[in-house]
Amino acid sequence: MTVAFSAGTATAATPIQLTSAMNEWTSAHPRTGIFVVRLDADGPTPILNFKGDVPRRPASTMKVITASAALMAFGPEHRFTTELYAQSPPILGGSRLSTTLYLKGGGDPMLATPTYINKYLAGRGTSINGLATPLRSAGFTSITGPIVVDESRFDTQRRVASWPSRYIIECRPLSAVNVNQGYLRDLRTLYVVRPPLAAGGKLRAAFGRAGITHTGKVVTGRTPAGASLVSFTKSPPLRTITRVMLPESDNYIAETLAKNTGSMVLGRGTTAAGTQAARQLLAAQVGPRNTLIDGSGLDRGNAVTPKAMVRVLIAANA
């Protein structure tokens, strides 16, 4: 697939020159699709079109659609929130907190340890330490009771069902509460097997860094309606998250944003809901001839026309 649009008037090449170049390219690449427009003051003007209405595999350009849908659903300043609840309100003035804690995931793809943030996210992540430091500031140095990790914002599918098994190296296991983007440690080497339990373990480590000892199991479950919020941490703005995702073509962030969009628009944190929501939000740009299966473009069943992709880019440029 080839997509292009230009702002202003073309000066480097004439339409005749562009047409000649297109003909030369397409004769050697018959499965290519090309759609080129010029953005004039009174609207876009198509200047080149070769099978622009024929769906092609978008590969990683699918992330442009995913990012656009997420930005429309949430707005560019939205921040994903990870929350920590207690079964009973903390009694201030003591050093021991004896209660069940609930770590409730908000689908933040940037939640990480400080080391991981500095090493891989250029300081643009969400520090899990932000959940621990308020408790230490309140005077607590010991916590007894289990940590219950709540990933109910998303389903528990760790990968897109239609992906072949070899794609495990392309995208880390998905979860609504994941630390270090699904990596086991502070390095991008081994993946976690059970993201919510790994996240609970990293919260315990964050307590330790804050000077709080924790004793108790890490389990999965739901946050009860009457639980008391004790701390929270917020992601960078969505506009920042997309700026991390797009240049690096980050599959994990893309799939997490797709599930978030499904949760926001349709109330279901699934990949299928995310692509359905993207189609609804971008109905004017992405018509019925296009097939959206995942958020990253890994699935070879994705099919998007060059014209649809250009329309998305034009809308983003408006």
C-alpha atoms as a PDB file:
ATOM      1  CA  MET A   1       0.000   0.000   0.000  1.00  0.00           C
ATOM      2  CA  THR A   2       1.172   3.532  -0.768  1.00  0.00           C
ATOM      3  CA  VAL A   3      -0.608   6.535   0.704  1.00  0.00           C
ATOM      4  CA  ALA A   4       0.319  10.167   0.329  1.00  0.00           C
ATOM      5  CA  PHE A   5      -0.995  13.668   0.692  1.00  0.00           C
ATOM      6  CA  SER A   6       0.683  17.036   0.407  1.00  0.00           C
ATOM      7  CA  ALA A   7      -0.055  20.444   1.852  1.00  0.00           C
ATOM      8  CA  GLY A   8      -0.026  23.436  -0.469  1.00  0.00           C
ATOM      9  CA  THR A   9       0.820  23.270  -4.141  1.00  0.00           C
ATOM     10  CA  ALA A  10       3.289  20.836  -5.648  1.00  0.00           C
ATOM     11  CA  THR A  11       6.491  22.471  -6.862  1.00  0.00           C
ATOM     12  CA  ALA A  12       9.040  19.672  -6.833  1.00  0.00           C
ATOM     13  CA  ALA A  13       7.251  17.606  -9.468  1.00  0.00           C
ATOM     14  CA  THR A  14       4.444  18.219 -11.959  1.00  0.00           C
ATOM     15  CA  PRO A  15       1.383  15.947 -12.194  1.00  0.00           C
ATOM     16  CA  ILE A  16       2.774  14.616 -15.491  1.00  0.00           C
ATOM     17  CA  GLN A  17       6.061  13.709 -13.825  1.00  0.00           C
ATOM     18  CA  LEU A  18       4.224  12.107 -10.899  1.00  0.00           C
ATOM     19  CA  THR A  19       1.984  10.143 -13.256  1.00  0.00           C
ATOM     20  CA  SER A  20       5.018   8.898 -15.162  1.00  0.00           C
ATOM     21  CA  ALA A  21       6.691   7.829 -11.928  1.00  0.00           C
ATOM     22  CA  MET A  22       3.497   6.122 -10.786  1.00  0.00           C
ATOM     23  CA  ASN A  23       3.155   4.237 -14.051  1.00  0.00           C
ATOM     24  CA  GLU A  24       6.744   3.056 -13.827  1.00  0.00           C
ATOM     25  CA  TRP A  25       6.278   1.924 -10.238  1.00  0.00           C
ATOM     26  CA  THR A  26       2.952   0.180 -10.724  1.00  0.00           C
ATOM     27  CA  SER A  27       4.132  -1.695 -13.803  1.00  0.00           C
ATOM     28  CA  ALA A  28       6.794  -3.304 -11.616  1.00  0.00           C
ATOM     29  CA  HIS A  29       4.508  -3.602  -8.554  1.00  0.00           C
ATOM     30  CA  PRO A  30       1.010  -4.455  -9.824  1.00  0.00           C
ATOM     31  CA  ARG A  31      -0.302  -5.136  -6.310  1.00  0.00           C
ATOM     32  CA  THR A  32       0.471  -1.588  -5.260  1.00  0.00           C
ATOM     33  CA  GLY A  33      -2.279   0.860  -4.418  1.00  0.00           C
ATOM     34  CA  ILE A  34      -1.634   4.589  -4.659  1.00  0.00           C
ATOM     35  CA  PHE A  35      -3.803   7.545  -3.776  1.00  0.00           C
ATOM     36  CA  VAL A  36      -2.306  11.045  -3.680  1.00  0.00           C
ATOM     37  CA  VAL A  37      -4.140  14.259  -2.892  1.00  0.00           C
ATOM     38  CA  ARG A  38      -3.131  17.891  -2.676  1.00  0.00           C
ATOM     39  CA  LEU A  39      -4.541  19.886   0.233  1.00  0.00           C
ATOM     40  CA  ASP A  40      -5.813  23.099  -1.328  1.00  0.00           C
ATOM     41  CA  ALA A  41      -7.457  25.979   0.501  1.00  0.00           C
ATOM     42  CA  ASP A  42     -10.907  24.837  -0.617  1.00  0.00           C
ATOM     43  CA  GLY A  43     -10.314  21.180   0.230  1.00  0.00           C
ATOM     44  CA  PRO A  44      -8.338  18.134  -0.900  1.00  0.00           C
ATOM     45  CA  THR A  45      -7.793  17.626  -4.620  1.00  0.00           C
ATOM     46  CA  PRO A  46      -6.973  14.081  -5.838  1.00  0.00           C
ATOM     47  CA  ILE A  47      -4.049  14.150  -8.256  1.00  0.00           C
ATOM     48  CA  LEU A  48      -3.012  10.478  -8.540  1.00  0.00           C
ATOM     49  CA  ASN A  49      -5.002   7.301  -8.108  1.00  0.00           C
ATOM     50  CA  PHE A  50      -3.957   3.741  -8.899  1.00  0.00           C
ATOM     51  CA  LYS A  51      -6.321   1.151  -7.405  1.00  0.00           C
ATOM     52  CA  GLY A  52      -6.928   3.505  -4.497  1.00  0.00           C
ATOM     53  CA  ASP A  53     -10.225   1.753  -3.727  1.00  0.00           C
ATOM     54  CA  VAL A  54      -8.691  -1.731  -3.554  1.00  0.00           C
ATOM     55  CA  PRO A  55      -8.121  -2.930   0.031  1.00  0.00           C
ATOM     56  CA  ARG A  56      -4.526  -3.852   0.878  1.00  0.00           C
ATOM     57  CA  ARG A  57      -2.823  -5.153   4.001  1.00  0.00           C
ATOM     58  CA  PRO A  58      -1.988  -1.998   5.963  1.00  0.00           C
ATOM     59  CA  ALA A  59       0.681  -3.587   8.196  1.00  0.00           C
ATOM     60  CA  SER A  60       1.841  -1.052  10.768  1.00  0.00           C
ATOM     61  CA  THR A  61      -0.016   1.850   9.168  1.00  0.00           C
ATOM     62  CA  MET A  62      -3.040   0.327  10.941  1.00  0.00           C
ATOM     63  CA  LYS A  63      -1.716   2.138  14.016  1.00  0.00           C
ATOM     64  CA  VAL A  64      -2.709   5.438  12.387  1.00  0.00           C
ATOM     65  CA  ILE A  65      -6.324   4.274  12.470  1.00  0.00           C
ATOM     66  CA  THR A  66      -5.965   2.969  16.030  1.00  0.00           C
ATOM     67  CA  ALA A  67      -4.415   6.217  17.256  1.00  0.00           C
ATOM     68  CA  SER A  68      -7.043   8.324  15.478  1.00  0.00           C
ATOM     69  CA  ALA A  69      -9.913   6.331  16.988  1.00  0.00           C
ATOM     70  CA  ALA A  70      -8.422   6.531  20.489  1.00  0.00           C
ATOM     71  CA  LEU A  71      -7.889  10.282  20.201  1.00  0.00           C
ATOM     72  CA  MET A  72     -11.488  10.725  19.052  1.00  0.00           C
ATOM     73  CA  ALA A  73     -12.833   8.531  21.864  1.00  0.00           C
ATOM     74  CA  PHE A  74     -10.827  10.044  24.719  1.00  0.00           C
ATOM     75  CA  GLY A  75      -9.386  13.346  23.546  1.00  0.00           C
ATOM     76  CA  PRO A  76      -5.648  14.141  23.331  1.00  0.00           C
ATOM     77  CA  GLU A  77      -5.307  15.180  26.985  1.00  0.00           C
ATOM     78  CA  HIS A  78      -6.822  12.018  28.452  1.00  0.00           C
ATOM     79  CA  ARG A  79      -4.745  10.186  31.057  1.00  0.00           C
ATOM     80  CA  PHE A  80      -5.297   6.540  31.958  1.00  0.00           C
ATOM     81  CA  THR A  81      -5.592   6.031  35.712  1.00  0.00           C
ATOM     82  CA  THR A  82      -4.364   3.103  37.793  1.00  0.00           C
ATOM     83  CA  GLU A  83      -5.961   3.022  41.232  1.00  0.00           C
ATOM     84  CA  LEU A  84      -5.217   1.410  44.581  1.00  0.00           C
ATOM     85  CA  TYR A  85      -8.118   0.714  46.934  1.00  0.00           C
ATOM     86  CA  ALA A  86      -8.355  -0.611  50.480  1.00  0.00           C
ATOM     87  CA  GLN A  87     -11.122  -2.866  51.728  1.00  0.00           C
ATOM     88  CA  SER A  88     -11.460  -0.677  54.820  1.00  0.00           C
ATOM     89  CA  PRO A  89     -10.421   2.978  55.164  1.00  0.00           C
ATOM     90  CA  PRO A  90      -6.875   3.389  56.511  1.00  0.00           C
ATOM     91  CA  ILE A  91      -6.659   4.596  60.106  1.00  0.00           C
ATOM     92  CA  LEU A  92      -4.207   7.460  60.098  1.00  0.00           C
ATOM     93  CA  GLY A  93      -1.699   7.913  62.875  1.00  0.00           C
ATOM     94  CA  GLY A  94      -0.379   4.361  62.877  1.00  0.00           C
ATOM     95  CA  SER A  95       2.413   2.661  60.987  1.00  0.00           C
ATOM     96  CA  ARG A  96       0.629  -0.589  60.121  1.00  0.00           C
ATOM     97  CA  LEU A  97      -2.091  -0.945  57.511  1.00  0.00           C
ATOM     98  CA  SER A  98      -3.975  -4.201  57.928  1.00  0.00           C
ATOM     99  CA  THR A  99      -6.427  -4.617  55.067  1.00  0.00           C
ATOM    100  CA  THR A 100      -6.914  -6.083  51.631  1.00  0.00           C
ATOM    101  CA  LEU A 101      -5.588  -3.864  48.845  1.00  0.00           C
ATOM    102  CA  TYR A 102      -7.076  -3.785  45.359  1.00  0.00           C
ATOM    103  CA  LEU A 103      -4.923  -2.789  42.407  1.00  0.00           C
ATOM    104  CA  LYS A 104      -7.403  -1.715  39.725  1.00  0.00           C
ATOM    105  CA  GLY A 105      -6.034  -1.424  36.210  1.00  0.00           C
ATOM    106  CA  GLY A 106      -7.078   1.394  33.928  1.00  0.00           C
ATOM    107  CA  GLY A 107      -5.528   0.096  30.720  1.00  0.00           C
ATOM    108  CA  ASP A 108      -2.406   2.244  31.014  1.00  0.00           C
ATOM    109  CA  PRO A 109       0.172   0.980  28.483  1.00  0.00           C
ATOM    110  CA  MET A 110       2.885   3.139  30.076  1.00  0.00           C
ATOM    111  CA  LEU A 111       2.727   1.871  33.691  1.00  0.00           C
ATOM    112  CA  ALA A 112       6.272   0.878  34.603  1.00  0.00           C
ATOM    113  CA  THR A 113       9.090   0.906  37.106  1.00  0.00           C
ATOM    114  CA  PRO A 114      11.328   4.007  37.180  1.00  0.00           C
ATOM    115  CA  THR A 115      14.238   2.054  35.673  1.00  0.00           C
ATOM    116  CA  TYR A 116      12.153   0.828  32.737  1.00  0.00           C
ATOM    117  CA  ILE A 117      10.724   4.311  32.150  1.00  0.00           C
ATOM    118  CA  ASN A 118      14.149   5.891  31.978  1.00  0.00           C
ATOM    119  CA  LYS A 119      15.655   3.115  29.877  1.00  0.00           C
ATOM    120  CA  TYR A 120      12.911   2.583  27.290  1.00  0.00           C
ATOM    121  CA  LEU A 121      10.310   5.339  27.523  1.00  0.00           C
ATOM    122  CA  ALA A 122      12.556   8.412  27.722  1.00  0.00           C
ATOM    123  CA  GLY A 123      10.945   9.409  31.008  1.00  0.00           C
ATOM    124  CA  ARG A 124       7.437   9.436  29.521  1.00  0.00           C
ATOM    125  CA  GLY A 125       5.958   6.524  31.458  1.00  0.00           C
ATOM    126  CA  THR A 126       3.733   6.182  34.521  1.00  0.00           C
ATOM    127  CA  SER A 127       5.710   5.296  37.614  1.00  0.00           C
ATOM    128  CA  ILE A 128       4.202   2.527  39.713  1.00  0.00           C
ATOM    129  CA  ASN A 129       5.957   4.190  42.644  1.00  0.00           C
ATOM    130  CA  GLY A 130       3.144   6.742  42.547  1.00  0.00           C
ATOM    131  CA  LEU A 131       0.866   4.161  44.120  1.00  0.00           C
ATOM    132  CA  ALA A 132       3.186   3.537  47.071  1.00  0.00           C
ATOM    133  CA  THR A 133       4.583   6.933  48.062  1.00  0.00           C
ATOM    134  CA  PRO A 134       1.256   8.394  49.324  1.00  0.00           C
ATOM    135  CA  LEU A 135       0.949   5.538  51.819  1.00  0.00           C
ATOM    136  CA  ARG A 136       4.484   6.090  53.065  1.00  0.00           C
ATOM    137  CA  SER A 137       3.784   9.818  53.324  1.00  0.00           C
ATOM    138  CA  ALA A 138       0.758   8.969  55.491  1.00  0.00           C
ATOM    139  CA  GLY A 139       3.104   7.212  57.915  1.00  0.00           C
ATOM    140  CA  PHE A 140       2.618   3.564  56.986  1.00  0.00           C
ATOM    141  CA  THR A 141       5.698   1.351  57.085  1.00  0.00           C
ATOM    142  CA  SER A 142       3.976  -2.035  57.134  1.00  0.00           C
ATOM    143  CA  ILE A 143       1.065  -3.483  55.172  1.00  0.00           C
ATOM    144  CA  THR A 144      -0.493  -6.834  55.958  1.00  0.00           C
ATOM    145  CA  GLY A 145      -3.134  -8.465  53.826  1.00  0.00           C
ATOM    146  CA  PRO A 146      -3.399  -9.618  50.240  1.00  0.00           C
ATOM    147  CA  ILE A 147      -3.044  -7.564  47.064  1.00  0.00           C
ATOM    148  CA  VAL A 148      -5.964  -8.300  44.748  1.00  0.00           C
ATOM    149  CA  VAL A 149      -5.261  -7.315  41.157  1.00  0.00           C
ATOM    150  CA  ASP A 150      -8.309  -6.249  39.154  1.00  0.00           C
ATOM    151  CA  GLU A 151      -7.880  -6.391  35.363  1.00  0.00           C
ATOM    152  CA  SER A 152     -11.623  -6.309  34.617  1.00  0.00           C
ATOM    153  CA  ARG A 153     -11.438  -3.256  32.345  1.00  0.00           C
ATOM    154  CA  PHE A 154     -10.256  -5.646  29.597  1.00  0.00           C
ATOM    155  CA  ASP A 155     -10.957  -9.255  28.794  1.00  0.00           C
ATOM    156  CA  THR A 156      -8.285 -11.798  29.697  1.00  0.00           C
ATOM    157  CA  GLN A 157      -7.200 -12.574  26.126  1.00  0.00           C
ATOM    158  CA  ARG A 158      -3.428 -12.055  26.090  1.00  0.00           C
ATOM    159  CA  ARG A 159      -3.191 -11.925  22.307  1.00  0.00           C
ATOM    160  CA  VAL A 160      -5.472 -11.599  19.311  1.00  0.00           C
ATOM    161  CA  ALA A 161      -7.059 -15.004  18.735  1.00  0.00           C
ATOM    162  CA  SER A 162      -6.378 -15.038  14.988  1.00  0.00           C
ATOM    163  CA  TRP A 163      -2.650 -14.396  15.343  1.00  0.00           C
ATOM    164  CA  PRO A 164      -0.312 -17.329  14.694  1.00  0.00           C
ATOM    165  CA  SER A 165       1.640 -18.509  17.715  1.00  0.00           C
ATOM    166  CA  ARG A 166       4.903 -17.064  16.369  1.00  0.00           C
ATOM    167  CA  TYR A 167       3.533 -13.554  16.917  1.00  0.00           C
ATOM    168  CA  ILE A 168       4.316 -13.939  20.606  1.00  0.00           C
ATOM    169  CA  ILE A 169       7.605 -12.198  19.850  1.00  0.00           C
ATOM    170  CA  GLU A 170       5.746  -9.274  18.242  1.00  0.00           C
ATOM    171  CA  CYS A 171       3.488  -8.270  21.132  1.00  0.00           C
ATOM    172  CA  ARG A 172       3.720  -8.859  24.864  1.00  0.00           C
ATOM    173  CA  PRO A 173       0.774 -10.407  26.772  1.00  0.00           C
ATOM    174  CA  LEU A 174      -2.100  -7.935  27.065  1.00  0.00           C
ATOM    175  CA  SER A 175      -3.848  -6.888  30.273  1.00  0.00           C
ATOM    176  CA  ALA A 176      -5.654  -3.892  31.731  1.00  0.00           C
ATOM    177  CA  VAL A 177      -3.026  -3.846  34.479  1.00  0.00           C
ATOM    178  CA  ASN A 178       0.463  -4.524  33.209  1.00  0.00           C
ATOM    179  CA  VAL A 179       3.804  -3.157  34.378  1.00  0.00           C
ATOM    180  CA  ASN A 180       6.811  -2.652  32.090  1.00  0.00           C
ATOM    181  CA  GLN A 181       4.575  -3.367  29.092  1.00  0.00           C
ATOM    182  CA  GLY A 182       4.477  -7.060  29.858  1.00  0.00           C
ATOM    183  CA  TYR A 183       8.179  -7.617  30.432  1.00  0.00           C
ATOM    184  CA  LEU A 184       9.197  -9.635  33.451  1.00  0.00           C
ATOM    185  CA  ARG A 185      11.944  -7.339  34.679  1.00  0.00           C
ATOM    186  CA  ASP A 186      13.369  -3.921  33.908  1.00  0.00           C
ATOM    187  CA  LEU A 187      14.914  -5.211  30.666  1.00  0.00           C
ATOM    188  CA  ARG A 188      13.131  -6.100  27.444  1.00  0.00           C
ATOM    189  CA  THR A 189      13.996  -9.775  27.568  1.00  0.00           C
ATOM    190  CA  LEU A 190      11.556 -12.260  29.138  1.00  0.00           C
ATOM    191  CA  TYR A 191       7.794 -11.773  29.050  1.00  0.00           C
ATOM    192  CA  VAL A 192       5.458 -12.306  31.997  1.00  0.00           C
ATOM    193  CA  VAL A 193       3.078 -15.246  31.846  1.00  0.00           C
ATOM    194  CA  ARG A 194       0.369 -13.806  34.103  1.00  0.00           C
ATOM    195  CA  PRO A 195       0.401 -10.014  33.776  1.00  0.00           C
ATOM    196  CA  PRO A 196      -1.895  -9.184  36.731  1.00  0.00           C
ATOM    197  CA  LEU A 197       0.063 -11.310  39.189  1.00  0.00           C
ATOM    198  CA  ALA A 198       3.324  -9.841  37.897  1.00  0.00           C
ATOM    199  CA  ALA A 199       1.877  -6.353  38.359  1.00  0.00           C
ATOM    200  CA  GLY A 200       0.978  -7.168  41.944  1.00  0.00           C
ATOM    201  CA  GLY A 201       4.532  -8.322  42.555  1.00  0.00           C
ATOM    202  CA  LYS A 202       5.892  -5.089  41.121  1.00  0.00           C
ATOM    203  CA  LEU A 203       3.549  -3.104  43.372  1.00  0.00           C
ATOM    204  CA  ARG A 204       5.001  -4.974  46.331  1.00  0.00           C
ATOM    205  CA  ALA A 205       8.486  -4.025  45.108  1.00  0.00           C
ATOM    206  CA  ALA A 206       7.331  -0.397  44.854  1.00  0.00           C
ATOM    207  CA  PHE A 207       6.233  -0.578  48.481  1.00  0.00           C
ATOM    208  CA  GLY A 208       9.727  -1.778  49.342  1.00  0.00           C
ATOM    209  CA  ARG A 209      11.337   1.141  47.489  1.00  0.00           C
ATOM    210  CA  ALA A 210       9.107   3.486  49.473  1.00  0.00           C
ATOM    211  CA  GLY A 211      10.168   1.942  52.783  1.00  0.00           C
ATOM    212  CA  ILE A 212       7.043  -0.163  53.335  1.00  0.00           C
ATOM    213  CA  THR A 213       7.098  -3.882  54.004  1.00  0.00           C
ATOM    214  CA  HIS A 214       4.235  -5.934  52.636  1.00  0.00           C
ATOM    215  CA  THR A 215       3.183  -9.394  53.754  1.00  0.00           C
ATOM    216  CA  GLY A 216       0.374 -11.194  52.045  1.00  0.00           C
ATOM    217  CA  LYS A 217      -0.486 -12.997  48.858  1.00  0.00           C
ATOM    218  CA  VAL A 218      -0.976 -11.551  45.378  1.00  0.00           C
ATOM    219  CA  VAL A 219      -4.173 -12.804  43.777  1.00  0.00           C
ATOM    220  CA  THR A 220      -6.622 -11.717  41.081  1.00  0.00           C
ATOM    221  CA  GLY A 221     -10.193 -10.555  41.620  1.00  0.00           C
ATOM    222  CA  ARG A 222     -12.594  -7.625  41.460  1.00  0.00           C
ATOM    223  CA  THR A 223     -12.599  -4.383  43.412  1.00  0.00           C
ATOM    224  CA  PRO A 224     -15.708  -4.230  45.630  1.00  0.00           C
ATOM    225  CA  ALA A 225     -18.034  -1.267  45.265  1.00  0.00           C
ATOM    226  CA  GLY A 226     -17.448  -0.032  48.807  1.00  0.00           C
ATOM    227  CA  ALA A 227     -13.641  -0.039  48.721  1.00  0.00           C
ATOM    228  CA  SER A 228     -11.797   3.170  49.659  1.00  0.00           C
ATOM    229  CA  LEU A 229      -9.419   4.825  47.201  1.00  0.00           C
ATOM    230  CA  VAL A 230      -6.016   5.268  48.848  1.00  0.00           C
ATOM    231  CA  SER A 231      -3.775   6.267  45.919  1.00  0.00           C
ATOM    232  CA  PHE A 232      -3.679   6.529  42.154  1.00  0.00           C
ATOM    233  CA  THR A 233      -1.294   7.336  39.338  1.00  0.00           C
ATOM    234  CA  LYS A 234      -2.019   8.818  35.928  1.00  0.00           C
ATOM    235  CA  SER A 235      -0.408   8.179  32.554  1.00  0.00           C
ATOM    236  CA  PRO A 236       1.070  10.836  30.299  1.00  0.00           C
ATOM    237  CA  PRO A 237      -1.542  12.466  28.031  1.00  0.00           C
ATOM    238  CA  LEU A 238      -2.822  10.299  25.204  1.00  0.00           C
ATOM    239  CA  ARG A 239      -1.168  12.604  22.668  1.00  0.00           C
ATOM    240  CA  THR A 240       2.183  11.688  24.247  1.00  0.00           C
ATOM    241  CA  ILE A 241       1.356   7.983  24.239  1.00  0.00           C
ATOM    242  CA  THR A 242       0.546   8.062  20.523  1.00  0.00           C
ATOM    243  CA  ARG A 243       3.805   9.911  19.864  1.00  0.00           C
ATOM    244  CA  VAL A 244       5.629   7.031  21.531  1.00  0.00           C
ATOM    245  CA  MET A 245       3.602   4.382  19.702  1.00  0.00           C
ATOM    246  CA  LEU A 246       3.687   5.649  16.131  1.00  0.00           C
ATOM    247  CA  PRO A 247       7.411   6.302  15.478  1.00  0.00           C
ATOM    248  CA  GLU A 248       8.404   3.053  17.197  1.00  0.00           C
ATOM    249  CA  SER A 249       5.453   1.097  15.737  1.00  0.00           C
ATOM    250  CA  ASP A 250       4.789  -0.294  19.207  1.00  0.00           C
ATOM    251  CA  ASN A 251       2.388  -3.225  18.857  1.00  0.00           C
ATOM    252  CA  TYR A 252       1.718  -3.517  22.586  1.00  0.00           C
ATOM    253  CA  ILE A 253       0.609   0.098  22.944  1.00  0.00           C
ATOM    254  CA  ALA A 254      -1.556  -0.193  19.823  1.00  0.00           C
ATOM    255  CA  GLU A 255      -3.394  -3.278  21.034  1.00  0.00           C
ATOM    256  CA  THR A 256      -3.886  -1.739  24.486  1.00  0.00           C
ATOM    257  CA  LEU A 257      -5.315   1.443  22.950  1.00  0.00           C
ATOM    258  CA  ALA A 258      -7.666  -0.644  20.805  1.00  0.00           C
ATOM    259  CA  LYS A 259      -9.066  -2.410  23.874  1.00  0.00           C
ATOM    260  CA  ASN A 260      -9.346   0.915  25.705  1.00  0.00           C
ATOM    261  CA  THR A 261     -11.328   2.380  22.813  1.00  0.00           C
ATOM    262  CA  GLY A 262     -13.673  -0.602  22.849  1.00  0.00           C
ATOM    263  CA  SER A 263     -14.164  -0.199  26.592  1.00  0.00           C
ATOM    264  CA  MET A 264     -14.856   3.524  26.289  1.00  0.00           C
ATOM    265  CA  VAL A 265     -17.182   3.459  23.275  1.00  0.00           C
ATOM    266  CA  LEU A 266     -18.944   0.092  23.590  1.00  0.00           C
ATOM    267  CA  GLY A 267     -18.329  -0.898  27.204  1.00  0.00           C
ATOM    268  CA  ARG A 268     -16.253  -3.928  26.209  1.00  0.00           C
ATOM    269  CA  GLY A 269     -12.486  -3.999  26.586  1.00  0.00           C
ATOM    270  CA  THR A 270     -11.867  -6.436  23.758  1.00  0.00           C
ATOM    271  CA  THR A 271      -9.976  -6.266  20.493  1.00  0.00           C
ATOM    272  CA  ALA A 272     -13.167  -6.877  18.514  1.00  0.00           C
ATOM    273  CA  ALA A 273     -14.947  -4.045  20.326  1.00  0.00           C
ATOM    274  CA  GLY A 274     -11.951  -1.785  19.732  1.00  0.00           C
ATOM    275  CA  THR A 275     -11.976  -2.318  15.976  1.00  0.00           C
ATOM    276  CA  GLN A 276     -15.767  -1.968  15.889  1.00  0.00           C
ATOM    277  CA  ALA A 277     -15.493   1.312  17.772  1.00  0.00           C
ATOM    278  CA  ALA A 278     -12.759   2.519  15.415  1.00  0.00           C
ATOM    279  CA  ARG A 279     -15.028   1.819  12.449  1.00  0.00           C
ATOM    280  CA  GLN A 280     -17.859   3.765  14.099  1.00  0.00           C
ATOM    281  CA  LEU A 281     -15.688   6.730  15.045  1.00  0.00           C
ATOM    282  CA  LEU A 282     -14.054   6.885  11.616  1.00  0.00           C
ATOM    283  CA  ALA A 283     -17.144   6.008   9.592  1.00  0.00           C
ATOM    284  CA  ALA A 284     -16.648   8.994   7.294  1.00  0.00           C
ATOM    285  CA  GLN A 285     -13.109   7.886   6.463  1.00  0.00           C
ATOM    286  CA  VAL A 286     -13.137   4.081   6.796  1.00  0.00           C
ATOM    287  CA  GLY A 287     -15.977   2.583   4.792  1.00  0.00           C
ATOM    288  CA  PRO A 288     -17.416  -0.941   4.587  1.00  0.00           C
ATOM    289  CA  ARG A 289     -14.786  -2.183   2.118  1.00  0.00           C
ATOM    290  CA  ASN A 290     -12.136  -2.027   4.851  1.00  0.00           C
ATOM    291  CA  THR A 291     -11.487  -4.874   7.285  1.00  0.00           C
ATOM    292  CA  LEU A 292     -10.164  -4.105  10.767  1.00  0.00           C
ATOM    293  CA  ILE A 293      -9.146  -7.101  12.886  1.00  0.00           C
ATOM    294  CA  ASP A 294      -6.596  -5.776  15.373  1.00  0.00           C
ATOM    295  CA  GLY A 295      -5.093  -2.497  16.490  1.00  0.00           C
ATOM    296  CA  SER A 296      -1.471  -3.019  15.488  1.00  0.00           C
ATOM    297  CA  GLY A 297      -1.775  -4.278  11.916  1.00  0.00           C
ATOM    298  CA  LEU A 298      -0.115  -7.606  12.712  1.00  0.00           C
ATOM    299  CA  ASP A 299      -3.073  -9.640  11.502  1.00  0.00           C
ATOM    300  CA  ARG A 300      -2.771 -10.433   7.812  1.00  0.00           C
ATOM    301  CA  GLY A 301      -6.545 -10.276   7.489  1.00  0.00           C
ATOM    302  CA  ASN A 302      -6.573  -6.500   7.945  1.00  0.00           C
ATOM    303  CA  ALA A 303      -7.434  -4.739   4.686  1.00  0.00           C
ATOM    304  CA  VAL A 304      -7.568  -0.970   4.169  1.00  0.00           C
ATOM    305  CA  THR A 305      -7.798   0.984   0.945  1.00  0.00           C
ATOM    306  CA  PRO A 306      -5.196   3.672   0.223  1.00  0.00           C
ATOM    307  CA  LYS A 307      -8.060   6.142  -0.167  1.00  0.00           C
ATOM    308  CA  ALA A 308      -9.383   5.356   3.333  1.00  0.00           C
ATOM    309  CA  MET A 309      -5.944   5.802   4.879  1.00  0.00           C
ATOM    310  CA  VAL A 310      -5.473   9.146   3.141  1.00  0.00           C
ATOM    311  CA  ARG A 311      -8.889  10.260   4.382  1.00  0.00           C
ATOM    312  CA  VAL A 312      -7.863   9.433   7.942  1.00  0.00           C
ATOM    313  CA  LEU A 313      -4.644  11.440   7.509  1.00  0.00           C
ATOM    314  CA  ILE A 314      -6.569  14.382   6.055  1.00  0.00           C
ATOM    315  CA  ALA A 315      -8.973  14.340   8.996  1.00  0.00           C
ATOM    316  CA  ALA A 316      -6.043  14.223  11.436  1.00  0.00           C
ATOM    317  CA  ASN A 317      -4.435  17.148   9.634  1.00  0.00           C
ATOM    318  CA  ALA A 318      -7.574  19.292   9.843  1.00  0.00           C
END
